[in-house]
Amino acid sequence: LRSDTDVEELADVDPALREAFTSGSAPVHDRSRLPAVYADAPN
C-alpha cells in the first residue's frame, strides 16, 4: 500500500526511482513487531 510521495523529500531522486522509496507494507508483512511510531513513517 503505497504512501504519498513527498516531492521535497525525494527532490534529488530520479522520478524513475521514486516508487522504490514510497512503498508501504504488503499484506504478507507482520507489522506487529515494529515500533508504533513506524505506522506512518516513510517506507
PDB file of all heavy atoms in Angstrom:
ATOM      1  N   LEU A   1       0.867  -1.174   0.000  1.00  0.00           N
ATOM      2  CA  LEU A   1       0.000   0.000   0.000  1.00  0.00           C
ATOM      3  C   LEU A   1       0.901   1.218   0.000  1.00  0.00           C
ATOM      4  O   LEU A   1       1.539   1.546   1.011  1.00  0.00           O
ATOM      5  CB  LEU A   1      -0.909  -0.015   1.237  1.00  0.00           C
ATOM      6  CG  LEU A   1      -1.809  -1.249   1.349  1.00  0.00           C
ATOM      7  CD1 LEU A   1      -2.559  -1.230   2.682  1.00  0.00           C
ATOM      8  CD2 LEU A   1      -2.770  -1.317   0.180  1.00  0.00           C
ATOM      9  N   ARG A   2       1.001   1.883  -1.138  1.00  0.00           N
ATOM     10  CA  ARG A   2       1.970   2.958  -1.296  1.00  0.00           C
ATOM     11  C   ARG A   2       1.562   4.207  -0.549  1.00  0.00           C
ATOM     12  O   ARG A   2       0.396   4.590  -0.519  1.00  0.00           O
ATOM     13  CB  ARG A   2       2.178   3.275  -2.780  1.00  0.00           C
ATOM     14  CG  ARG A   2       2.807   2.116  -3.532  1.00  0.00           C
ATOM     15  CD  ARG A   2       3.348   2.526  -4.876  1.00  0.00           C
ATOM     16  NE  ARG A   2       4.006   1.398  -5.516  1.00  0.00           N
ATOM     17  CZ  ARG A   2       5.263   1.045  -5.287  1.00  0.00           C
ATOM     18  NH1 ARG A   2       5.991   1.745  -4.453  1.00  0.00           N
ATOM     19  NH2 ARG A   2       5.788   0.008  -5.891  1.00  0.00           N
ATOM     20  N   SER A   3       2.561   4.868   0.036  1.00  0.00           N
ATOM     21  CA  SER A   3       2.338   6.147   0.698  1.00  0.00           C
ATOM     22  C   SER A   3       2.412   7.271  -0.326  1.00  0.00           C
ATOM     23  O   SER A   3       2.892   7.086  -1.442  1.00  0.00           O
ATOM     24  CB  SER A   3       3.399   6.360   1.787  1.00  0.00           C
ATOM     25  OG  SER A   3       4.696   6.315   1.235  1.00  0.00           O
ATOM     26  N   ASP A   4       1.920   8.446   0.057  1.00  0.00           N
ATOM     27  CA  ASP A   4       2.011   9.591  -0.835  1.00  0.00           C
ATOM     28  C   ASP A   4       3.467  10.008  -1.001  1.00  0.00           C
ATOM     29  O   ASP A   4       4.240  10.016  -0.049  1.00  0.00           O
ATOM     30  CB  ASP A   4       1.210  10.767  -0.276  1.00  0.00           C
ATOM     31  CG  ASP A   4      -0.282  10.474  -0.264  1.00  0.00           C
ATOM     32  OD1 ASP A   4      -0.725   9.667  -1.093  1.00  0.00           O
ATOM     33  OD2 ASP A   4      -0.988  11.048   0.587  1.00  0.00           O
ATOM     34  N   THR A   5       3.835  10.347  -2.214  1.00  0.00           N
ATOM     35  CA  THR A   5       5.203  10.781  -2.481  1.00  0.00           C
ATOM     36  C   THR A   5       5.396  12.217  -2.021  1.00  0.00           C
ATOM     37  O   THR A   5       4.654  13.105  -2.425  1.00  0.00           O
ATOM     38  CB  THR A   5       5.527  10.689  -3.983  1.00  0.00           C
ATOM     39  OG1 THR A   5       5.341   9.338  -4.403  1.00  0.00           O
ATOM     40  CG2 THR A   5       6.950  11.119  -4.259  1.00  0.00           C
ATOM     41  N   ASP A   6       6.359  12.438  -1.153  1.00  0.00           N
ATOM     42  CA  ASP A   6       6.728  13.780  -0.723  1.00  0.00           C
ATOM     43  C   ASP A   6       7.768  14.297  -1.707  1.00  0.00           C
ATOM     44  O   ASP A   6       8.918  13.869  -1.700  1.00  0.00           O
ATOM     45  CB  ASP A   6       7.301  13.742   0.699  1.00  0.00           C
ATOM     46  CG  ASP A   6       7.618  15.122   1.259  1.00  0.00           C
ATOM     47  OD1 ASP A   6       7.868  16.040   0.460  1.00  0.00           O
ATOM     48  OD2 ASP A   6       7.621  15.276   2.485  1.00  0.00           O
ATOM     49  N   VAL A   7       7.339  15.196  -2.585  1.00  0.00           N
ATOM     50  CA  VAL A   7       8.220  15.670  -3.655  1.00  0.00           C
ATOM     51  C   VAL A   7       9.489  16.301  -3.088  1.00  0.00           C
ATOM     52  O   VAL A   7      10.593  16.103  -3.589  1.00  0.00           O
ATOM     53  CB  VAL A   7       7.473  16.659  -4.572  1.00  0.00           C
ATOM     54  CG1 VAL A   7       8.426  17.224  -5.624  1.00  0.00           C
ATOM     55  CG2 VAL A   7       6.290  15.978  -5.237  1.00  0.00           C
ATOM     56  N   GLU A   8       9.343  17.067  -2.006  1.00  0.00           N
ATOM     57  CA  GLU A   8      10.515  17.711  -1.405  1.00  0.00           C
ATOM     58  C   GLU A   8      11.462  16.667  -0.827  1.00  0.00           C
ATOM     59  O   GLU A   8      12.685  16.764  -0.959  1.00  0.00           O
ATOM     60  CB  GLU A   8      10.071  18.678  -0.309  1.00  0.00           C
ATOM     61  CG  GLU A   8      11.229  19.426   0.337  1.00  0.00           C
ATOM     62  CD  GLU A   8      10.769  20.387   1.422  1.00  0.00           C
ATOM     63  OE1 GLU A   8       9.539  20.571   1.570  1.00  0.00           O
ATOM     64  OE2 GLU A   8      11.634  20.944   2.124  1.00  0.00           O
ATOM     65  N   GLU A   9      10.908  15.659  -0.194  1.00  0.00           N
ATOM     66  CA  GLU A   9      11.711  14.591   0.399  1.00  0.00           C
ATOM     67  C   GLU A   9      12.556  13.875  -0.655  1.00  0.00           C
ATOM     68  O   GLU A   9      13.696  13.472  -0.395  1.00  0.00           O
ATOM     69  CB  GLU A   9      10.772  13.584   1.083  1.00  0.00           C
ATOM     70  CG  GLU A   9      11.446  12.368   1.660  1.00  0.00           C
ATOM     71  CD  GLU A   9      11.943  12.559   3.077  1.00  0.00           C
ATOM     72  OE1 GLU A   9      11.655  13.610   3.667  1.00  0.00           O
ATOM     73  OE2 GLU A   9      12.627  11.659   3.576  1.00  0.00           O
ATOM     74  N   LEU A  10      12.003  13.718  -1.865  1.00  0.00           N
ATOM     75  CA  LEU A  10      12.666  12.946  -2.919  1.00  0.00           C
ATOM     76  C   LEU A  10      13.166  13.828  -4.054  1.00  0.00           C
ATOM     77  O   LEU A  10      13.348  13.359  -5.172  1.00  0.00           O
ATOM     78  CB  LEU A  10      11.697  11.896  -3.465  1.00  0.00           C
ATOM     79  CG  LEU A  10      11.160  10.884  -2.449  1.00  0.00           C
ATOM     80  CD1 LEU A  10      10.120   9.990  -3.086  1.00  0.00           C
ATOM     81  CD2 LEU A  10      12.279  10.062  -1.847  1.00  0.00           C
ATOM     82  N   ALA A  11      13.418  15.082  -3.764  1.00  0.00           N
ATOM     83  CA  ALA A  11      13.776  16.035  -4.813  1.00  0.00           C
ATOM     84  C   ALA A  11      15.028  15.634  -5.571  1.00  0.00           C
ATOM     85  O   ALA A  11      15.153  15.905  -6.770  1.00  0.00           O
ATOM     86  CB  ALA A  11      13.940  17.434  -4.218  1.00  0.00           C
ATOM     87  N   ASP A  12      15.991  14.989  -4.897  1.00  0.00           N
ATOM     88  CA  ASP A  12      17.236  14.631  -5.562  1.00  0.00           C
ATOM     89  C   ASP A  12      17.237  13.194  -6.089  1.00  0.00           C
ATOM     90  O   ASP A  12      18.268  12.678  -6.502  1.00  0.00           O
ATOM     91  CB  ASP A  12      18.437  14.853  -4.637  1.00  0.00           C
ATOM     92  CG  ASP A  12      18.326  14.069  -3.329  1.00  0.00           C
ATOM     93  OD1 ASP A  12      17.328  13.342  -3.166  1.00  0.00           O
ATOM     94  OD2 ASP A  12      19.227  14.206  -2.485  1.00  0.00           O
ATOM     95  N   VAL A  13      16.077  12.534  -6.076  1.00  0.00           N
ATOM     96  CA  VAL A  13      15.952  11.167  -6.575  1.00  0.00           C
ATOM     97  C   VAL A  13      15.265  11.197  -7.930  1.00  0.00           C
ATOM     98  O   VAL A  13      14.222  11.846  -8.091  1.00  0.00           O
ATOM     99  CB  VAL A  13      15.142  10.295  -5.594  1.00  0.00           C
ATOM    100  CG1 VAL A  13      14.961   8.890  -6.166  1.00  0.00           C
ATOM    101  CG2 VAL A  13      15.834  10.234  -4.241  1.00  0.00           C
ATOM    102  N   ASP A  14      15.839  10.513  -8.913  1.00  0.00           N
ATOM    103  CA  ASP A  14      15.241  10.474 -10.244  1.00  0.00           C
ATOM    104  C   ASP A  14      13.802   9.954 -10.150  1.00  0.00           C
ATOM    105  O   ASP A  14      13.518   9.016  -9.399  1.00  0.00           O
ATOM    106  CB  ASP A  14      16.060   9.548 -11.144  1.00  0.00           C
ATOM    107  CG  ASP A  14      15.608   9.593 -12.583  1.00  0.00           C
ATOM    108  OD1 ASP A  14      14.692   8.813 -12.921  1.00  0.00           O
ATOM    109  OD2 ASP A  14      16.148  10.402 -13.360  1.00  0.00           O
ATOM    110  N   PRO A  15      12.866  10.559 -10.907  1.00  0.00           N
ATOM    111  CA  PRO A  15      11.466  10.114 -10.853  1.00  0.00           C
ATOM    112  C   PRO A  15      11.290   8.619 -11.083  1.00  0.00           C
ATOM    113  O   PRO A  15      10.389   7.992 -10.510  1.00  0.00           O
ATOM    114  CB  PRO A  15      10.804  10.932 -11.961  1.00  0.00           C
ATOM    115  CG  PRO A  15      11.610  12.188 -12.027  1.00  0.00           C
ATOM    116  CD  PRO A  15      13.032  11.760 -11.758  1.00  0.00           C
ATOM    117  N   ALA A  16      12.155   8.012 -11.892  1.00  0.00           N
ATOM    118  CA  ALA A  16      12.036   6.580 -12.170  1.00  0.00           C
ATOM    119  C   ALA A  16      12.352   5.714 -10.956  1.00  0.00           C
ATOM    120  O   ALA A  16      11.989   4.539 -10.909  1.00  0.00           O
ATOM    121  CB  ALA A  16      12.964   6.192 -13.320  1.00  0.00           C
ATOM    122  N   LEU A  17      13.028   6.292  -9.950  1.00  0.00           N
ATOM    123  CA  LEU A  17      13.385   5.539  -8.746  1.00  0.00           C
ATOM    124  C   LEU A  17      12.476   5.834  -7.564  1.00  0.00           C
ATOM    125  O   LEU A  17      12.562   5.162  -6.530  1.00  0.00           O
ATOM    126  CB  LEU A  17      14.835   5.857  -8.339  1.00  0.00           C
ATOM    127  CG  LEU A  17      15.934   5.430  -9.302  1.00  0.00           C
ATOM    128  CD1 LEU A  17      17.285   5.915  -8.792  1.00  0.00           C
ATOM    129  CD2 LEU A  17      15.949   3.921  -9.483  1.00  0.00           C
ATOM    130  N   ARG A  18      11.592   6.808  -7.690  1.00  0.00           N
ATOM    131  CA  ARG A  18      10.852   7.266  -6.514  1.00  0.00           C
ATOM    132  C   ARG A  18       9.888   6.236  -5.946  1.00  0.00           C
ATOM    133  O   ARG A  18       9.677   6.190  -4.730  1.00  0.00           O
ATOM    134  CB  ARG A  18      10.118   8.575  -6.848  1.00  0.00           C
ATOM    135  CG  ARG A  18      11.084   9.742  -6.973  1.00  0.00           C
ATOM    136  CD  ARG A  18      10.398  11.042  -7.346  1.00  0.00           C
ATOM    137  NE  ARG A  18      11.398  12.101  -7.536  1.00  0.00           N
ATOM    138  CZ  ARG A  18      11.119  13.301  -8.005  1.00  0.00           C
ATOM    139  NH1 ARG A  18       9.858  13.613  -8.325  1.00  0.00           N
ATOM    140  NH2 ARG A  18      12.074  14.188  -8.159  1.00  0.00           N
ATOM    141  N   GLU A  19       9.307   5.393  -6.812  1.00  0.00           N
ATOM    142  CA  GLU A  19       8.383   4.393  -6.287  1.00  0.00           C
ATOM    143  C   GLU A  19       9.079   3.437  -5.330  1.00  0.00           C
ATOM    144  O   GLU A  19       8.457   2.908  -4.404  1.00  0.00           O
ATOM    145  CB  GLU A  19       7.720   3.628  -7.431  1.00  0.00           C
ATOM    146  CG  GLU A  19       6.681   4.450  -8.190  1.00  0.00           C
ATOM    147  CD  GLU A  19       5.734   3.580  -8.996  1.00  0.00           C
ATOM    148  OE1 GLU A  19       5.192   2.618  -8.439  1.00  0.00           O
ATOM    149  OE2 GLU A  19       5.539   3.887 -10.178  1.00  0.00           O
ATOM    150  N   ALA A  20      10.374   3.209  -5.529  1.00  0.00           N
ATOM    151  CA  ALA A  20      11.112   2.319  -4.631  1.00  0.00           C
ATOM    152  C   ALA A  20      11.217   2.894  -3.222  1.00  0.00           C
ATOM    153  O   ALA A  20      11.445   2.167  -2.263  1.00  0.00           O
ATOM    154  CB  ALA A  20      12.506   2.052  -5.182  1.00  0.00           C
ATOM    155  N   PHE A  21      11.041   4.225  -3.095  1.00  0.00           N
ATOM    156  CA  PHE A  21      11.174   4.885  -1.797  1.00  0.00           C
ATOM    157  C   PHE A  21       9.823   5.262  -1.192  1.00  0.00           C
ATOM    158  O   PHE A  21       9.775   5.951  -0.182  1.00  0.00           O
ATOM    159  CB  PHE A  21      12.024   6.147  -1.945  1.00  0.00           C
ATOM    160  CG  PHE A  21      13.471   5.862  -2.260  1.00  0.00           C
ATOM    161  CD1 PHE A  21      13.890   5.719  -3.575  1.00  0.00           C
ATOM    162  CD2 PHE A  21      14.401   5.708  -1.255  1.00  0.00           C
ATOM    163  CE1 PHE A  21      15.214   5.450  -3.871  1.00  0.00           C
ATOM    164  CE2 PHE A  21      15.725   5.435  -1.541  1.00  0.00           C
ATOM    165  CZ  PHE A  21      16.138   5.306  -2.855  1.00  0.00           C
ATOM    166  N   THR A  22       8.728   4.826  -1.804  1.00  0.00           N
ATOM    167  CA  THR A  22       7.416   5.248  -1.319  1.00  0.00           C
ATOM    168  C   THR A  22       6.466   4.085  -1.087  1.00  0.00           C
ATOM    169  O   THR A  22       5.263   4.280  -0.974  1.00  0.00           O
ATOM    170  CB  THR A  22       6.761   6.232  -2.319  1.00  0.00           C
ATOM    171  OG1 THR A  22       6.676   5.618  -3.608  1.00  0.00           O
ATOM    172  CG2 THR A  22       7.561   7.511  -2.419  1.00  0.00           C
ATOM    173  N   SER A  23       6.979   2.862  -1.024  1.00  0.00           N
ATOM    174  CA  SER A  23       6.083   1.732  -0.813  1.00  0.00           C
ATOM    175  C   SER A  23       5.717   1.610   0.657  1.00  0.00           C
ATOM    176  O   SER A  23       6.497   1.939   1.543  1.00  0.00           O
ATOM    177  CB  SER A  23       6.748   0.433  -1.280  1.00  0.00           C
ATOM    178  OG  SER A  23       7.813   0.086  -0.425  1.00  0.00           O
ATOM    179  N   GLY A  24       4.512   1.124   0.890  1.00  0.00           N
ATOM    180  CA  GLY A  24       4.128   0.733   2.234  1.00  0.00           C
ATOM    181  C   GLY A  24       4.365  -0.751   2.401  1.00  0.00           C
ATOM    182  O   GLY A  24       5.053  -1.381   1.585  1.00  0.00           O
ATOM    183  N   SER A  25       3.799  -1.348   3.427  1.00  0.00           N
ATOM    184  CA  SER A  25       3.929  -2.785   3.644  1.00  0.00           C
ATOM    185  C   SER A  25       2.874  -3.539   2.847  1.00  0.00           C
ATOM    186  O   SER A  25       1.826  -2.995   2.495  1.00  0.00           O
ATOM    187  CB  SER A  25       3.788  -3.112   5.130  1.00  0.00           C
ATOM    188  OG  SER A  25       4.848  -2.542   5.862  1.00  0.00           O
ATOM    189  N   ALA A  26       3.152  -4.804   2.559  1.00  0.00           N
ATOM    190  CA  ALA A  26       2.213  -5.668   1.850  1.00  0.00           C
ATOM    191  C   ALA A  26       1.420  -6.491   2.863  1.00  0.00           C
ATOM    192  O   ALA A  26       1.821  -6.625   4.029  1.00  0.00           O
ATOM    193  CB  ALA A  26       2.979  -6.584   0.900  1.00  0.00           C
ATOM    194  N   PRO A  27       0.307  -7.079   2.446  1.00  0.00           N
ATOM    195  CA  PRO A  27      -0.496  -7.886   3.365  1.00  0.00           C
ATOM    196  C   PRO A  27       0.259  -9.037   4.024  1.00  0.00           C
ATOM    197  O   PRO A  27      -0.095  -9.446   5.140  1.00  0.00           O
ATOM    198  CB  PRO A  27      -1.627  -8.408   2.462  1.00  0.00           C
ATOM    199  CG  PRO A  27      -1.792  -7.336   1.434  1.00  0.00           C
ATOM    200  CD  PRO A  27      -0.389  -6.852   1.156  1.00  0.00           C
ATOM    201  N   VAL A  28       1.289  -9.578   3.378  1.00  0.00           N
ATOM    202  CA  VAL A  28       2.011 -10.704   3.985  1.00  0.00           C
ATOM    203  C   VAL A  28       2.955 -10.259   5.105  1.00  0.00           C
ATOM    204  O   VAL A  28       3.461 -11.094   5.851  1.00  0.00           O
ATOM    205  CB  VAL A  28       2.826 -11.489   2.931  1.00  0.00           C
ATOM    206  CG1 VAL A  28       1.906 -12.060   1.864  1.00  0.00           C
ATOM    207  CG2 VAL A  28       3.905 -10.628   2.303  1.00  0.00           C
ATOM    208  N   HIS A  29       3.196  -8.966   5.235  1.00  0.00           N
ATOM    209  CA  HIS A  29       4.112  -8.486   6.269  1.00  0.00           C
ATOM    210  C   HIS A  29       3.437  -8.475   7.638  1.00  0.00           C
ATOM    211  O   HIS A  29       2.330  -7.955   7.782  1.00  0.00           O
ATOM    212  CB  HIS A  29       4.597  -7.066   5.944  1.00  0.00           C
ATOM    213  CG  HIS A  29       5.596  -7.004   4.839  1.00  0.00           C
ATOM    214  ND1 HIS A  29       5.494  -6.124   3.783  1.00  0.00           N
ATOM    215  CD2 HIS A  29       6.731  -7.709   4.616  1.00  0.00           C
ATOM    216  CE1 HIS A  29       6.516  -6.287   2.966  1.00  0.00           C
ATOM    217  NE2 HIS A  29       7.283  -7.250   3.454  1.00  0.00           N
ATOM    218  N   ASP A  30       4.126  -9.005   8.631  1.00  0.00           N
ATOM    219  CA  ASP A  30       3.663  -8.956  10.018  1.00  0.00           C
ATOM    220  C   ASP A  30       4.240  -7.711  10.670  1.00  0.00           C
ATOM    221  O   ASP A  30       5.401  -7.679  11.068  1.00  0.00           O
ATOM    222  CB  ASP A  30       4.109 -10.208  10.764  1.00  0.00           C
ATOM    223  CG  ASP A  30       3.705 -10.191  12.235  1.00  0.00           C
ATOM    224  OD1 ASP A  30       2.955  -9.270  12.649  1.00  0.00           O
ATOM    225  OD2 ASP A  30       4.156 -11.091  12.976  1.00  0.00           O
ATOM    226  N   ARG A  31       3.435  -6.666  10.774  1.00  0.00           N
ATOM    227  CA  ARG A  31       3.912  -5.403  11.327  1.00  0.00           C
ATOM    228  C   ARG A  31       3.805  -5.341  12.843  1.00  0.00           C
ATOM    229  O   ARG A  31       4.187  -4.338  13.454  1.00  0.00           O
ATOM    230  CB  ARG A  31       3.128  -4.239  10.708  1.00  0.00           C
ATOM    231  CG  ARG A  31       3.373  -4.060   9.214  1.00  0.00           C
ATOM    232  CD  ARG A  31       2.722  -2.775   8.703  1.00  0.00           C
ATOM    233  NE  ARG A  31       3.183  -1.615   9.445  1.00  0.00           N
ATOM    234  CZ  ARG A  31       4.305  -0.943   9.196  1.00  0.00           C
ATOM    235  NH1 ARG A  31       5.092  -1.333   8.200  1.00  0.00           N
ATOM    236  NH2 ARG A  31       4.648   0.107   9.929  1.00  0.00           N
ATOM    237  N   SER A  32       3.334  -6.396  13.481  1.00  0.00           N
ATOM    238  CA  SER A  32       3.123  -6.351  14.929  1.00  0.00           C
ATOM    239  C   SER A  32       4.419  -6.190  15.700  1.00  0.00           C
ATOM    240  O   SER A  32       4.408  -5.714  16.838  1.00  0.00           O
ATOM    241  CB  SER A  32       2.399  -7.618  15.389  1.00  0.00           C
ATOM    242  OG  SER A  32       3.195  -8.781  15.167  1.00  0.00           O
ATOM    243  N   ARG A  33       5.554  -6.568  15.084  1.00  0.00           N
ATOM    244  CA  ARG A  33       6.834  -6.489  15.801  1.00  0.00           C
ATOM    245  C   ARG A  33       7.510  -5.123  15.661  1.00  0.00           C
ATOM    246  O   ARG A  33       8.574  -4.900  16.237  1.00  0.00           O
ATOM    247  CB  ARG A  33       7.792  -7.583  15.318  1.00  0.00           C
ATOM    248  CG  ARG A  33       7.957  -7.828  13.814  1.00  0.00           C
ATOM    249  CD  ARG A  33       8.694  -6.840  12.981  1.00  0.00           C
ATOM    250  NE  ARG A  33      10.042  -6.589  13.331  1.00  0.00           N
ATOM    251  CZ  ARG A  33      11.114  -7.171  12.758  1.00  0.00           C
ATOM    252  NH1 ARG A  33      10.960  -8.012  11.781  1.00  0.00           N
ATOM    253  NH2 ARG A  33      12.327  -6.818  13.121  1.00  0.00           N
ATOM    254  N   LEU A  34       6.935  -4.202  14.881  1.00  0.00           N
ATOM    255  CA  LEU A  34       7.562  -2.907  14.621  1.00  0.00           C
ATOM    256  C   LEU A  34       7.178  -1.863  15.658  1.00  0.00           C
ATOM    257  O   LEU A  34       6.111  -1.933  16.261  1.00  0.00           O
ATOM    258  CB  LEU A  34       7.152  -2.406  13.229  1.00  0.00           C
ATOM    259  CG  LEU A  34       7.605  -3.247  12.039  1.00  0.00           C
ATOM    260  CD1 LEU A  34       6.965  -2.728  10.757  1.00  0.00           C
ATOM    261  CD2 LEU A  34       9.125  -3.258  11.918  1.00  0.00           C
ATOM    262  N   PRO A  35       8.036  -0.850  15.857  1.00  0.00           N
ATOM    263  CA  PRO A  35       7.665   0.249  16.757  1.00  0.00           C
ATOM    264  C   PRO A  35       6.392   0.939  16.274  1.00  0.00           C
ATOM    265  O   PRO A  35       6.188   1.111  15.068  1.00  0.00           O
ATOM    266  CB  PRO A  35       8.867   1.200  16.672  1.00  0.00           C
ATOM    267  CG  PRO A  35       9.991   0.374  16.148  1.00  0.00           C
ATOM    268  CD  PRO A  35       9.374  -0.665  15.271  1.00  0.00           C
ATOM    269  N   ALA A  36       5.555   1.357  17.199  1.00  0.00           N
ATOM    270  CA  ALA A  36       4.300   2.014  16.829  1.00  0.00           C
ATOM    271  C   ALA A  36       4.540   3.264  15.999  1.00  0.00           C
ATOM    272  O   ALA A  36       3.729   3.603  15.129  1.00  0.00           O
ATOM    273  CB  ALA A  36       3.514   2.353  18.097  1.00  0.00           C
ATOM    274  N   VAL A  37       5.661   3.956  16.241  1.00  0.00           N
ATOM    275  CA  VAL A  37       5.937   5.200  15.517  1.00  0.00           C
ATOM    276  C   VAL A  37       6.209   4.964  14.036  1.00  0.00           C
ATOM    277  O   VAL A  37       6.233   5.909  13.246  1.00  0.00           O
ATOM    278  CB  VAL A  37       7.128   5.959  16.135  1.00  0.00           C
ATOM    279  CG1 VAL A  37       6.785   6.489  17.504  1.00  0.00           C
ATOM    280  CG2 VAL A  37       8.377   5.075  16.177  1.00  0.00           C
ATOM    281  N   TYR A  38       6.396   3.706  13.636  1.00  0.00           N
ATOM    282  CA  TYR A  38       6.634   3.409  12.231  1.00  0.00           C
ATOM    283  C   TYR A  38       5.340   3.358  11.414  1.00  0.00           C
ATOM    284  O   TYR A  38       5.382   3.240  10.181  1.00  0.00           O
ATOM    285  CB  TYR A  38       7.366   2.074  12.072  1.00  0.00           C
ATOM    286  CG  TYR A  38       8.874   2.153  12.263  1.00  0.00           C
ATOM    287  CD1 TYR A  38       9.461   3.286  12.830  1.00  0.00           C
ATOM    288  CD2 TYR A  38       9.702   1.111  11.894  1.00  0.00           C
ATOM    289  CE1 TYR A  38      10.831   3.360  13.010  1.00  0.00           C
ATOM    290  CE2 TYR A  38      11.072   1.174  12.067  1.00  0.00           C
ATOM    291  CZ  TYR A  38      11.631   2.294  12.631  1.00  0.00           C
ATOM    292  OH  TYR A  38      12.986   2.365  12.806  1.00  0.00           O
ATOM    293  N   ALA A  39       4.198   3.428  12.059  1.00  0.00           N
ATOM    294  CA  ALA A  39       2.919   3.259  11.369  1.00  0.00           C
ATOM    295  C   ALA A  39       2.766   4.224  10.207  1.00  0.00           C
ATOM    296  O   ALA A  39       2.258   3.853   9.139  1.00  0.00           O
ATOM    297  CB  ALA A  39       1.769   3.420  12.354  1.00  0.00           C
ATOM    298  N   ASP A  40       3.176   5.465  10.395  1.00  0.00           N
ATOM    299  CA  ASP A  40       3.045   6.478   9.352  1.00  0.00           C
ATOM    300  C   ASP A  40       4.393   6.944   8.825  1.00  0.00           C
ATOM    301  O   ASP A  40       4.482   7.981   8.164  1.00  0.00           O
ATOM    302  CB  ASP A  40       2.263   7.686   9.893  1.00  0.00           C
ATOM    303  CG  ASP A  40       0.856   7.319  10.316  1.00  0.00           C
ATOM    304  OD1 ASP A  40       0.183   6.615   9.549  1.00  0.00           O
ATOM    305  OD2 ASP A  40       0.453   7.717  11.421  1.00  0.00           O
ATOM    306  N   ALA A  41       5.438   6.170   9.086  1.00  0.00           N
ATOM    307  CA  ALA A  41       6.786   6.566   8.668  1.00  0.00           C
ATOM    308  C   ALA A  41       7.028   6.174   7.217  1.00  0.00           C
ATOM    309  O   ALA A  41       6.435   5.218   6.710  1.00  0.00           O
ATOM    310  CB  ALA A  41       7.829   5.901   9.562  1.00  0.00           C
ATOM    311  N   PRO A  42       7.897   6.908   6.516  1.00  0.00           N
ATOM    312  CA  PRO A  42       8.218   6.543   5.130  1.00  0.00           C
ATOM    313  C   PRO A  42       8.806   5.138   5.059  1.00  0.00           C
ATOM    314  O   PRO A  42       9.522   4.705   5.964  1.00  0.00           O
ATOM    315  CB  PRO A  42       9.227   7.609   4.703  1.00  0.00           C
ATOM    316  CG  PRO A  42       9.775   8.156   5.978  1.00  0.00           C
ATOM    317  CD  PRO A  42       8.667   8.066   6.975  1.00  0.00           C
ATOM    318  N   ASN A  43       8.485   4.442   3.992  1.00  0.00           N
ATOM    319  CA  ASN A  43       8.937   3.068   3.807  1.00  0.00           C
ATOM    320  C   ASN A  43       9.515   2.962   2.397  1.00  0.00           C
ATOM    321  O   ASN A  43       9.531   3.953   1.657  1.00  0.00           O
ATOM    322  CB  ASN A  43       7.765   2.105   4.006  1.00  0.00           C
ATOM    323  CG  ASN A  43       8.199   0.719   4.456  1.00  0.00           C
ATOM    324  OD1 ASN A  43       9.353   0.324   4.289  1.00  0.00           O
ATOM    325  ND2 ASN A  43       7.276  -0.026   5.025  1.00  0.00           N
TER     326      ASN A  43
END
